[in-house]
Amino acid sequence: MWDNSEIHPDYATFRLVQKKQQQVDAYGGLVKELLRLAYGDKGRLEDINRRLERRELKILYNSDMKYLEKLYQIHPDITTATIKEGLREV
């Protein structure tokens, strides 16, 4: 029997997966915005976008994450609002 003070292991795993999914979705919005604005390496961004759009397994490598974060930092015209717009277009 589970005590209220304990977190069920399956629930903890579910929350971790849910958090990771939200992070991947946010990066997906950033990739779409970078492609729209023609910032960065188009081929690399299209490859990242293709992997993120796969329904069965969304893959975002650490090197891709760092690349996207770098592009985000050097392009001040990309805002959270524009990233959210990109997510709504999906």
C-alpha atoms as a PDB file:
ATOM      1  CA  MET A   1       0.000   0.000   0.000  1.00  0.00           C
ATOM      2  CA  TRP A   2       1.290   3.449  -0.909  1.00  0.00           C
ATOM      3  CA  ASP A   3       1.647   6.064   1.785  1.00  0.00           C
ATOM      4  CA  ASN A   4       0.659   9.628   0.770  1.00  0.00           C
ATOM      5  CA  SER A   5       4.195  10.772   1.621  1.00  0.00           C
ATOM      6  CA  GLU A   6       5.673   8.435  -0.983  1.00  0.00           C
ATOM      7  CA  ILE A   7       5.606   8.999  -4.703  1.00  0.00           C
ATOM      8  CA  HIS A   8       4.707   5.954  -6.723  1.00  0.00           C
ATOM      9  CA  PRO A   9       7.698   5.054  -8.949  1.00  0.00           C
ATOM     10  CA  ASP A  10       5.477   4.893 -12.049  1.00  0.00           C
ATOM     11  CA  TYR A  11       4.126   8.383 -11.317  1.00  0.00           C
ATOM     12  CA  ALA A  12       7.647   9.780 -10.872  1.00  0.00           C
ATOM     13  CA  THR A  13       8.645   8.261 -14.214  1.00  0.00           C
ATOM     14  CA  PHE A  14       5.499   9.655 -15.822  1.00  0.00           C
ATOM     15  CA  ARG A  15       6.283  13.187 -14.527  1.00  0.00           C
ATOM     16  CA  LEU A  16       9.875  12.925 -15.789  1.00  0.00           C
ATOM     17  CA  VAL A  17       8.677  11.847 -19.238  1.00  0.00           C
ATOM     18  CA  GLN A  18       6.032  14.588 -19.245  1.00  0.00           C
ATOM     19  CA  LYS A  19       8.631  17.244 -18.351  1.00  0.00           C
ATOM     20  CA  LYS A  20      10.998  15.964 -21.055  1.00  0.00           C
ATOM     21  CA  GLN A  21       8.142  16.066 -23.590  1.00  0.00           C
ATOM     22  CA  GLN A  22       7.396  19.708 -22.745  1.00  0.00           C
ATOM     23  CA  GLN A  23      11.075  20.541 -23.186  1.00  0.00           C
ATOM     24  CA  VAL A  24      11.215  18.794 -26.561  1.00  0.00           C
ATOM     25  CA  ASP A  25       8.037  20.611 -27.651  1.00  0.00           C
ATOM     26  CA  ALA A  26       9.595  23.965 -26.738  1.00  0.00           C
ATOM     27  CA  TYR A  27      12.702  23.138 -28.762  1.00  0.00           C
ATOM     28  CA  GLY A  28      10.428  22.138 -31.640  1.00  0.00           C
ATOM     29  CA  GLY A  29       8.887  25.610 -31.585  1.00  0.00           C
ATOM     30  CA  LEU A  30      12.356  27.164 -31.574  1.00  0.00           C
ATOM     31  CA  VAL A  31      13.457  25.038 -34.547  1.00  0.00           C
ATOM     32  CA  LYS A  32      10.390  26.063 -36.553  1.00  0.00           C
ATOM     33  CA  GLU A  33      11.041  29.729 -35.760  1.00  0.00           C
ATOM     34  CA  LEU A  34      14.728  29.446 -36.722  1.00  0.00           C
ATOM     35  CA  LEU A  35      13.739  27.815 -40.020  1.00  0.00           C
ATOM     36  CA  ARG A  36      11.129  30.492 -40.689  1.00  0.00           C
ATOM     37  CA  LEU A  37      13.650  33.278 -40.068  1.00  0.00           C
ATOM     38  CA  ALA A  38      16.387  31.429 -42.023  1.00  0.00           C
ATOM     39  CA  TYR A  39      18.798  31.511 -39.055  1.00  0.00           C
ATOM     40  CA  GLY A  40      21.371  28.755 -38.722  1.00  0.00           C
ATOM     41  CA  ASP A  41      22.220  25.738 -40.845  1.00  0.00           C
ATOM     42  CA  LYS A  42      19.039  24.893 -42.748  1.00  0.00           C
ATOM     43  CA  GLY A  43      19.986  21.241 -43.275  1.00  0.00           C
ATOM     44  CA  ARG A  44      20.806  20.673 -39.619  1.00  0.00           C
ATOM     45  CA  LEU A  45      17.648  22.450 -38.473  1.00  0.00           C
ATOM     46  CA  GLU A  46      15.511  20.406 -40.887  1.00  0.00           C
ATOM     47  CA  ASP A  47      17.102  17.204 -39.569  1.00  0.00           C
ATOM     48  CA  ILE A  48      16.432  18.230 -35.956  1.00  0.00           C
ATOM     49  CA  ASN A  49      12.859  19.167 -36.910  1.00  0.00           C
ATOM     50  CA  ARG A  50      12.321  15.814 -38.639  1.00  0.00           C
ATOM     51  CA  ARG A  51      13.501  13.918 -35.558  1.00  0.00           C
ATOM     52  CA  LEU A  52      11.354  16.015 -33.223  1.00  0.00           C
ATOM     53  CA  GLU A  53       8.247  15.457 -35.344  1.00  0.00           C
ATOM     54  CA  ARG A  54       8.504  11.675 -35.219  1.00  0.00           C
ATOM     55  CA  ARG A  55       5.543  10.495 -33.193  1.00  0.00           C
ATOM     56  CA  GLU A  56       6.945   7.253 -31.841  1.00  0.00           C
ATOM     57  CA  LEU A  57      10.286   8.614 -30.617  1.00  0.00           C
ATOM     58  CA  LYS A  58      11.300  12.242 -30.382  1.00  0.00           C
ATOM     59  CA  ILE A  59      15.077  12.529 -30.301  1.00  0.00           C
ATOM     60  CA  LEU A  60      17.002  15.645 -29.317  1.00  0.00           C
ATOM     61  CA  TYR A  61      20.732  15.128 -28.856  1.00  0.00           C
ATOM     62  CA  ASN A  62      22.704  17.230 -26.365  1.00  0.00           C
ATOM     63  CA  SER A  63      24.806  18.680 -29.204  1.00  0.00           C
ATOM     64  CA  ASP A  64      21.600  19.781 -30.977  1.00  0.00           C
ATOM     65  CA  MET A  65      20.262  21.281 -27.751  1.00  0.00           C
ATOM     66  CA  LYS A  66      23.456  23.318 -27.309  1.00  0.00           C
ATOM     67  CA  TYR A  67      23.337  24.412 -30.972  1.00  0.00           C
ATOM     68  CA  LEU A  68      19.737  25.605 -30.618  1.00  0.00           C
ATOM     69  CA  GLU A  69      20.487  27.409 -27.360  1.00  0.00           C
ATOM     70  CA  LYS A  70      23.444  29.181 -29.006  1.00  0.00           C
ATOM     71  CA  LEU A  71      21.283  30.327 -31.932  1.00  0.00           C
ATOM     72  CA  TYR A  72      18.602  31.482 -29.488  1.00  0.00           C
ATOM     73  CA  GLN A  73      21.162  33.570 -27.581  1.00  0.00           C
ATOM     74  CA  ILE A  74      22.665  35.280 -30.640  1.00  0.00           C
ATOM     75  CA  HIS A  75      19.306  36.205 -32.205  1.00  0.00           C
ATOM     76  CA  PRO A  76      17.546  38.568 -29.783  1.00  0.00           C
ATOM     77  CA  ASP A  77      14.497  38.898 -32.051  1.00  0.00           C
ATOM     78  CA  ILE A  78      13.448  35.351 -31.178  1.00  0.00           C
ATOM     79  CA  THR A  79      11.186  35.559 -28.138  1.00  0.00           C
ATOM     80  CA  THR A  80       9.164  33.130 -26.072  1.00  0.00           C
ATOM     81  CA  ALA A  81       6.073  34.485 -27.836  1.00  0.00           C
ATOM     82  CA  THR A  82       7.438  33.640 -31.292  1.00  0.00           C
ATOM     83  CA  ILE A  83       8.403  30.171 -30.116  1.00  0.00           C
ATOM     84  CA  LYS A  84       4.861  29.643 -28.788  1.00  0.00           C
ATOM     85  CA  GLU A  85       3.503  30.831 -32.160  1.00  0.00           C
ATOM     86  CA  GLY A  86       5.620  28.158 -33.833  1.00  0.00           C
ATOM     87  CA  LEU A  87       4.136  25.557 -31.505  1.00  0.00           C
ATOM     88  CA  ARG A  88       0.574  26.625 -32.350  1.00  0.00           C
ATOM     89  CA  GLU A  89       1.289  26.126 -36.060  1.00  0.00           C
ATOM     90  CA  VAL A  90       2.095  22.438 -35.516  1.00  0.00           C
END
